[in-house]
Amino acid sequence: MFMHRLTAAARSMQQLMTALLLMLLLSAPVAGTADDAQQTEYRIKTAFLYNFSRFVSWPEAALQNRSEFSLCTLGSTPFGEQLDTLTGKMVHGKALVVKRFDRPADTLDCQLVFIGQSDEPDEALWILKERPVLTVSDAAAFTEKGGMIQFRVIDNKIRFRINVDAARAAGLTISSKLLSLAISVTGAR
């Protein structure tokens, strides 16, 4: 009984620390030279992607019989090797792996897909619609087109918008902690 309470307390502390890290990331400015700013921006976005994966719940069937959690990129993205720093981290009891694809159809087995800003997200969103795949991008109007999370840089800070209806249609549940950090939430909570 004592160990159960300790485990629950430790889990609550870990969730609190993660939420505090997210709040710190929200307040971190993106500044400096253009190259430095872009590296800083995508280092922060890398941390956000990892934390998004921890604050979203997937249907049990989407994760069972899988040994890994796939964080995928689609098309050209400026992440460089930033995402590779996440390889091996645990997400929902699975080791995170990073995969890069050029065709939307190749992302069907991913749990989280970042769609590059330079790519038109419409085809990917159509292919992934209502599948248990968290879609994230920094493309303009991404959440209005049916994407789930859209990065925005506002006053040199990384922010994000959430489309709850798109996530819910895919069977995903976004935690209230993550929703409270969004600059806007589309759909019913």
C-alpha atoms as a PDB file:
ATOM      1  CA  MET A   1       0.000   0.000   0.000  1.00  0.00           C
ATOM      2  CA  PHE A   2       2.802   2.430   0.931  1.00  0.00           C
ATOM      3  CA  MET A   3       4.664   1.637  -2.316  1.00  0.00           C
ATOM      4  CA  HIS A   4       1.485   2.310  -4.317  1.00  0.00           C
ATOM      5  CA  ARG A   5       1.184   5.751  -2.703  1.00  0.00           C
ATOM      6  CA  LEU A   6       4.859   6.437  -3.280  1.00  0.00           C
ATOM      7  CA  THR A   7       4.543   5.424  -6.912  1.00  0.00           C
ATOM      8  CA  ALA A   8       1.484   7.631  -7.368  1.00  0.00           C
ATOM      9  CA  ALA A   9       3.261  10.521  -5.643  1.00  0.00           C
ATOM     10  CA  ALA A  10       6.358  10.034  -7.800  1.00  0.00           C
ATOM     11  CA  ARG A  11       4.203   9.903 -10.913  1.00  0.00           C
ATOM     12  CA  SER A  12       2.425  13.121  -9.907  1.00  0.00           C
ATOM     13  CA  MET A  13       5.773  14.799  -9.256  1.00  0.00           C
ATOM     14  CA  GLN A  14       7.051  13.689 -12.671  1.00  0.00           C
ATOM     15  CA  GLN A  15       3.927  15.077 -14.353  1.00  0.00           C
ATOM     16  CA  LEU A  16       4.329  18.342 -12.465  1.00  0.00           C
ATOM     17  CA  MET A  17       7.980  18.618 -13.497  1.00  0.00           C
ATOM     18  CA  THR A  18       7.058  17.941 -17.133  1.00  0.00           C
ATOM     19  CA  ALA A  19       4.346  20.606 -17.007  1.00  0.00           C
ATOM     20  CA  LEU A  20       6.850  23.053 -15.514  1.00  0.00           C
ATOM     21  CA  LEU A  21       9.313  22.214 -18.301  1.00  0.00           C
ATOM     22  CA  LEU A  22       6.605  22.917 -20.872  1.00  0.00           C
ATOM     23  CA  MET A  23       5.864  26.263 -19.237  1.00  0.00           C
ATOM     24  CA  LEU A  24       9.591  27.090 -19.256  1.00  0.00           C
ATOM     25  CA  LEU A  25       9.769  26.207 -22.938  1.00  0.00           C
ATOM     26  CA  LEU A  26       6.808  28.478 -23.615  1.00  0.00           C
ATOM     27  CA  SER A  27       8.685  31.385 -22.085  1.00  0.00           C
ATOM     28  CA  ALA A  28      12.006  30.719 -23.863  1.00  0.00           C
ATOM     29  CA  PRO A  29      12.668  33.353 -26.527  1.00  0.00           C
ATOM     30  CA  VAL A  30      13.741  32.439 -30.048  1.00  0.00           C
ATOM     31  CA  ALA A  31      16.371  35.062 -30.874  1.00  0.00           C
ATOM     32  CA  GLY A  32      19.933  35.603 -32.137  1.00  0.00           C
ATOM     33  CA  THR A  33      21.239  35.205 -35.684  1.00  0.00           C
ATOM     34  CA  ALA A  34      18.949  33.595 -38.243  1.00  0.00           C
ATOM     35  CA  ASP A  35      20.802  30.253 -38.063  1.00  0.00           C
ATOM     36  CA  ASP A  36      21.005  30.346 -34.261  1.00  0.00           C
ATOM     37  CA  ALA A  37      17.345  31.293 -34.028  1.00  0.00           C
ATOM     38  CA  GLN A  38      16.297  28.420 -36.285  1.00  0.00           C
ATOM     39  CA  GLN A  39      18.439  25.925 -34.349  1.00  0.00           C
ATOM     40  CA  THR A  40      17.006  27.190 -31.066  1.00  0.00           C
ATOM     41  CA  GLU A  41      13.476  27.118 -32.473  1.00  0.00           C
ATOM     42  CA  TYR A  42      13.760  23.502 -33.591  1.00  0.00           C
ATOM     43  CA  ARG A  43      15.532  22.426 -30.401  1.00  0.00           C
ATOM     44  CA  ILE A  44      12.532  23.797 -28.484  1.00  0.00           C
ATOM     45  CA  LYS A  45      10.092  22.184 -30.938  1.00  0.00           C
ATOM     46  CA  THR A  46      11.917  18.862 -30.453  1.00  0.00           C
ATOM     47  CA  ALA A  47      11.282  19.095 -26.706  1.00  0.00           C
ATOM     48  CA  PHE A  48       7.647  19.983 -27.383  1.00  0.00           C
ATOM     49  CA  LEU A  49       7.170  16.973 -29.679  1.00  0.00           C
ATOM     50  CA  TYR A  50       8.504  14.659 -26.990  1.00  0.00           C
ATOM     51  CA  ASN A  51       6.247  16.222 -24.366  1.00  0.00           C
ATOM     52  CA  PHE A  52       3.242  16.141 -26.699  1.00  0.00           C
ATOM     53  CA  SER A  53       3.766  12.381 -26.984  1.00  0.00           C
ATOM     54  CA  ARG A  54       3.644  12.098 -23.199  1.00  0.00           C
ATOM     55  CA  PHE A  55       0.520  14.250 -22.736  1.00  0.00           C
ATOM     56  CA  VAL A  56      -1.577  12.540 -25.409  1.00  0.00           C
ATOM     57  CA  SER A  57      -3.244   9.153 -24.934  1.00  0.00           C
ATOM     58  CA  TRP A  58      -3.596   6.719 -27.815  1.00  0.00           C
ATOM     59  CA  PRO A  59      -6.192   3.957 -28.056  1.00  0.00           C
ATOM     60  CA  GLU A  60      -4.833   0.735 -26.557  1.00  0.00           C
ATOM     61  CA  ALA A  61      -5.060  -1.038 -29.924  1.00  0.00           C
ATOM     62  CA  ALA A  62      -2.822   1.608 -31.529  1.00  0.00           C
ATOM     63  CA  LEU A  63       0.093   0.807 -29.212  1.00  0.00           C
ATOM     64  CA  GLN A  64      -0.320  -2.870 -28.385  1.00  0.00           C
ATOM     65  CA  ASN A  65       1.905  -5.359 -30.183  1.00  0.00           C
ATOM     66  CA  ARG A  66       4.406  -2.560 -30.871  1.00  0.00           C
ATOM     67  CA  SER A  67       7.877  -2.513 -29.426  1.00  0.00           C
ATOM     68  CA  GLU A  68       8.483   1.120 -30.322  1.00  0.00           C
ATOM     69  CA  PHE A  69       6.824   4.524 -30.466  1.00  0.00           C
ATOM     70  CA  SER A  70       7.415   6.098 -33.891  1.00  0.00           C
ATOM     71  CA  LEU A  71       7.913   9.854 -34.125  1.00  0.00           C
ATOM     72  CA  CYS A  72       8.035  10.573 -37.844  1.00  0.00           C
ATOM     73  CA  THR A  73       8.735  13.566 -40.028  1.00  0.00           C
ATOM     74  CA  LEU A  74       7.165  14.055 -43.413  1.00  0.00           C
ATOM     75  CA  GLY A  75       8.965  16.012 -46.095  1.00  0.00           C
ATOM     76  CA  SER A  76      11.627  18.615 -45.614  1.00  0.00           C
ATOM     77  CA  THR A  77      12.065  19.829 -42.035  1.00  0.00           C
ATOM     78  CA  PRO A  78      14.790  21.954 -40.398  1.00  0.00           C
ATOM     79  CA  PHE A  79      15.132  19.599 -37.406  1.00  0.00           C
ATOM     80  CA  GLY A  80      18.428  18.211 -38.672  1.00  0.00           C
ATOM     81  CA  GLU A  81      19.725  15.782 -36.059  1.00  0.00           C
ATOM     82  CA  GLN A  82      17.775  17.422 -33.209  1.00  0.00           C
ATOM     83  CA  LEU A  83      15.092  14.735 -33.232  1.00  0.00           C
ATOM     84  CA  ASP A  84      17.684  11.970 -33.008  1.00  0.00           C
ATOM     85  CA  THR A  85      18.385  13.054 -29.409  1.00  0.00           C
ATOM     86  CA  LEU A  86      14.968  11.595 -28.531  1.00  0.00           C
ATOM     87  CA  THR A  87      15.812   8.095 -29.781  1.00  0.00           C
ATOM     88  CA  GLY A  88      15.462   5.542 -26.998  1.00  0.00           C
ATOM     89  CA  LYS A  89      13.433   7.745 -24.640  1.00  0.00           C
ATOM     90  CA  MET A  90      10.403   5.954 -23.265  1.00  0.00           C
ATOM     91  CA  VAL A  91       6.900   6.985 -24.336  1.00  0.00           C
ATOM     92  CA  HIS A  92       3.925   5.007 -23.024  1.00  0.00           C
ATOM     93  CA  GLY A  93       6.263   2.119 -22.196  1.00  0.00           C
ATOM     94  CA  LYS A  94       7.780   2.010 -25.697  1.00  0.00           C
ATOM     95  CA  ALA A  95      11.209   3.129 -26.893  1.00  0.00           C
ATOM     96  CA  LEU A  96      10.914   6.181 -29.135  1.00  0.00           C
ATOM     97  CA  VAL A  97      12.343   5.895 -32.649  1.00  0.00           C
ATOM     98  CA  VAL A  98      12.642   8.681 -35.212  1.00  0.00           C
ATOM     99  CA  LYS A  99      11.744   7.981 -38.827  1.00  0.00           C
ATOM    100  CA  ARG A 100      11.840  10.315 -41.822  1.00  0.00           C
ATOM    101  CA  PHE A 101       9.551   9.971 -44.828  1.00  0.00           C
ATOM    102  CA  ASP A 102       8.825  11.824 -48.057  1.00  0.00           C
ATOM    103  CA  ARG A 103       5.447  10.240 -48.875  1.00  0.00           C
ATOM    104  CA  PRO A 104       2.355  10.612 -46.670  1.00  0.00           C
ATOM    105  CA  ALA A 105       1.341   6.971 -47.232  1.00  0.00           C
ATOM    106  CA  ASP A 106       4.559   5.855 -45.504  1.00  0.00           C
ATOM    107  CA  THR A 107       3.480   7.466 -42.208  1.00  0.00           C
ATOM    108  CA  LEU A 108       0.474   5.228 -41.527  1.00  0.00           C
ATOM    109  CA  ASP A 109       2.313   3.216 -38.843  1.00  0.00           C
ATOM    110  CA  CYS A 110       3.628   6.282 -37.005  1.00  0.00           C
ATOM    111  CA  GLN A 111       2.175   7.471 -33.708  1.00  0.00           C
ATOM    112  CA  LEU A 112       3.228  11.122 -34.173  1.00  0.00           C
ATOM    113  CA  VAL A 113       3.931  12.822 -37.511  1.00  0.00           C
ATOM    114  CA  PHE A 114       5.502  16.252 -37.917  1.00  0.00           C
ATOM    115  CA  ILE A 115       4.607  17.621 -41.358  1.00  0.00           C
ATOM    116  CA  GLY A 116       7.172  20.077 -42.710  1.00  0.00           C
ATOM    117  CA  GLN A 117       6.102  23.676 -43.279  1.00  0.00           C
ATOM    118  CA  SER A 118       7.297  23.636 -46.876  1.00  0.00           C
ATOM    119  CA  ASP A 119       5.070  20.669 -47.662  1.00  0.00           C
ATOM    120  CA  GLU A 120       1.376  20.979 -48.388  1.00  0.00           C
ATOM    121  CA  PRO A 121      -0.276  19.131 -45.495  1.00  0.00           C
ATOM    122  CA  ASP A 122      -3.609  18.450 -47.231  1.00  0.00           C
ATOM    123  CA  GLU A 123      -2.656  15.057 -48.699  1.00  0.00           C
ATOM    124  CA  ALA A 124      -1.107  13.865 -45.437  1.00  0.00           C
ATOM    125  CA  LEU A 125      -4.107  15.013 -43.406  1.00  0.00           C
ATOM    126  CA  TRP A 126      -6.462  13.238 -45.802  1.00  0.00           C
ATOM    127  CA  ILE A 127      -4.458   9.985 -45.589  1.00  0.00           C
ATOM    128  CA  LEU A 128      -4.116  10.164 -41.786  1.00  0.00           C
ATOM    129  CA  LYS A 129      -7.655  11.407 -41.088  1.00  0.00           C
ATOM    130  CA  GLU A 130      -9.287   9.508 -38.224  1.00  0.00           C
ATOM    131  CA  ARG A 131      -6.227   7.279 -37.771  1.00  0.00           C
ATOM    132  CA  PRO A 132      -4.597   7.225 -34.311  1.00  0.00           C
ATOM    133  CA  VAL A 133      -1.700   9.433 -35.435  1.00  0.00           C
ATOM    134  CA  LEU A 134      -0.969  12.768 -33.752  1.00  0.00           C
ATOM    135  CA  THR A 135      -0.375  15.313 -36.533  1.00  0.00           C
ATOM    136  CA  VAL A 136       1.810  18.341 -35.813  1.00  0.00           C
ATOM    137  CA  SER A 137       3.098  21.090 -38.103  1.00  0.00           C
ATOM    138  CA  ASP A 138       4.159  24.697 -38.266  1.00  0.00           C
ATOM    139  CA  ALA A 139       2.377  25.169 -41.613  1.00  0.00           C
ATOM    140  CA  ALA A 140      -0.097  28.053 -41.803  1.00  0.00           C
ATOM    141  CA  ALA A 141      -3.747  27.224 -41.019  1.00  0.00           C
ATOM    142  CA  PHE A 142      -2.779  23.645 -40.102  1.00  0.00           C
ATOM    143  CA  THR A 143      -5.399  23.179 -37.390  1.00  0.00           C
ATOM    144  CA  GLU A 144      -8.076  24.767 -39.592  1.00  0.00           C
ATOM    145  CA  LYS A 145      -7.314  22.134 -42.252  1.00  0.00           C
ATOM    146  CA  GLY A 146      -7.765  19.265 -39.776  1.00  0.00           C
ATOM    147  CA  GLY A 147      -4.303  19.044 -38.214  1.00  0.00           C
ATOM    148  CA  MET A 148      -4.144  18.450 -34.465  1.00  0.00           C
ATOM    149  CA  ILE A 149      -1.334  20.697 -33.194  1.00  0.00           C
ATOM    150  CA  GLN A 150       0.119  23.735 -34.948  1.00  0.00           C
ATOM    151  CA  PHE A 151       3.285  25.498 -33.807  1.00  0.00           C
ATOM    152  CA  ARG A 152       3.316  29.304 -33.948  1.00  0.00           C
ATOM    153  CA  VAL A 153       6.118  31.743 -33.170  1.00  0.00           C
ATOM    154  CA  ILE A 154       4.601  34.745 -31.401  1.00  0.00           C
ATOM    155  CA  ASP A 155       6.758  37.515 -29.935  1.00  0.00           C
ATOM    156  CA  ASN A 156       9.809  35.293 -30.486  1.00  0.00           C
ATOM    157  CA  LYS A 157       8.303  32.490 -28.395  1.00  0.00           C
ATOM    158  CA  ILE A 158       7.086  29.060 -29.466  1.00  0.00           C
ATOM    159  CA  ARG A 159       3.362  28.626 -28.914  1.00  0.00           C
ATOM    160  CA  PHE A 160       0.878  26.071 -30.194  1.00  0.00           C
ATOM    161  CA  ARG A 161      -2.750  25.691 -31.172  1.00  0.00           C
ATOM    162  CA  ILE A 162      -4.769  22.493 -30.696  1.00  0.00           C
ATOM    163  CA  ASN A 163      -7.686  21.072 -32.693  1.00  0.00           C
ATOM    164  CA  VAL A 164      -9.385  18.800 -30.145  1.00  0.00           C
ATOM    165  CA  ASP A 165     -12.044  17.614 -32.600  1.00  0.00           C
ATOM    166  CA  ALA A 166      -9.414  16.280 -35.028  1.00  0.00           C
ATOM    167  CA  ALA A 167      -7.636  14.464 -32.188  1.00  0.00           C
ATOM    168  CA  ARG A 168     -10.874  13.023 -30.839  1.00  0.00           C
ATOM    169  CA  ALA A 169     -11.915  11.813 -34.330  1.00  0.00           C
ATOM    170  CA  ALA A 170      -8.612   9.902 -34.440  1.00  0.00           C
ATOM    171  CA  GLY A 171      -9.269   8.334 -31.039  1.00  0.00           C
ATOM    172  CA  LEU A 172      -6.620  10.443 -29.281  1.00  0.00           C
ATOM    173  CA  THR A 173      -7.117  12.171 -25.939  1.00  0.00           C
ATOM    174  CA  ILE A 174      -5.141  15.329 -25.200  1.00  0.00           C
ATOM    175  CA  SER A 175      -4.557  15.957 -21.493  1.00  0.00           C
ATOM    176  CA  SER A 176      -6.089  18.984 -19.833  1.00  0.00           C
ATOM    177  CA  LYS A 177      -2.579  20.093 -18.801  1.00  0.00           C
ATOM    178  CA  LEU A 178      -1.519  20.319 -22.444  1.00  0.00           C
ATOM    179  CA  LEU A 179      -4.784  22.015 -23.433  1.00  0.00           C
ATOM    180  CA  SER A 180      -4.235  24.659 -20.746  1.00  0.00           C
ATOM    181  CA  LEU A 181      -0.865  25.601 -22.301  1.00  0.00           C
ATOM    182  CA  ALA A 182      -2.246  26.100 -25.827  1.00  0.00           C
ATOM    183  CA  ILE A 183      -2.821  29.625 -27.145  1.00  0.00           C
ATOM    184  CA  SER A 184      -6.088  28.416 -28.659  1.00  0.00           C
ATOM    185  CA  VAL A 185      -8.147  25.249 -28.628  1.00  0.00           C
ATOM    186  CA  THR A 186     -10.544  24.468 -31.455  1.00  0.00           C
ATOM    187  CA  GLY A 187     -13.449  22.127 -30.732  1.00  0.00           C
ATOM    188  CA  ALA A 188     -15.222  20.871 -27.658  1.00  0.00           C
ATOM    189  CA  ARG A 189     -13.097  20.109 -24.627  1.00  0.00           C
END
